[in-house]
Amino acid sequence: RGGSDISGSIVAQAVKADLYENWTDVDGILNADPRIVKEARIISRMTYTELRELSYLGASVMHPDALFPLVKARIPLNVRNTFHPDVPGTLISSCVKDGSRNAVTGIAGKKDFRILFVHKLGLNSQKSVVRKVLSILEYHEVTFEHMPSSLDAVNFLIPDSSLSPELAEQIVDEIRTTIHPDDIRVLDNLAIVSIVGRNMFHSIGVAAKMFHALAERKINIRMLIQGCREINMIAGIEESKYEEAIRVLYHTFLSEF
């Protein structure tokens, strides 16, 4: 599955194509999940970085490995619908200058996460503590998607599929024995929602707008993740509030554009 996407991008790179058209069964890449936001619209132009971020959160319409040859060769990608050939679809390239006033391109998210929370006083100055925790996770083949930390604590955002309750209990016991934490817990029923956009780095007040929108609907942020590139901002919330949070963020950032 996804073989034709990858084959096409490799051929495009090999022949130094000016454009790679990927014909599929959707009109383009939408700015939100249409199962949650009925009025979600097609994104006309976006960057590969934005596409990768949205793809990680489940918004992909093609195999993610197909992007690497295109990014390397700086070949634009046009996602089009075989059944609606007149629709221009979504054009993805390395750089987009479309004069858009909106800092946010799309809203996405994922459910079914757990947080492994480890607190140990002076953790930042003890060089081997985090390594030992990572070694335990690696031994049990547990994958994590984010690792926000502070001076005395580190959190691991782990998909439910990678950490069963039984395995979580075993790992907690091993971490207690290995590093003697002051506190260690596994928190269940977490989802993440994210705003993604290429203009967020130069836009003032995006985070405040996000926090205010969620707070107005009494959606508590349990974890906040933002990379230094500021291409996205991810909030960890209660899983029961997931669909509502997606709709709130969409109407806050995208309903007017």
Foldseek 3Di string as FASTA:
>chain_A
DLVVLQVQLVVCLVVVHQAGEDEDADAAFWQEDCVLVVPTDHQAEEEPVLQVVQVVQPRDPGDNVSCVSCQVSFHKYAYHYPVCRVRRYHIYTHDDDDPDPFQFRHKGKWWAKKKKKFFAPQPQVDVCLVVVLVVLCVVLVWDFDDWDADRGMIMTIGGCVRAPPVNVVVSVVVSCVPPVTPDIDMGTQKMKMKTFGQRQVVDPCPVVLLVVLCVVVPWDFPDWDADPSRRMIMTITGNVCVSVSRVSVCVSRPPVD
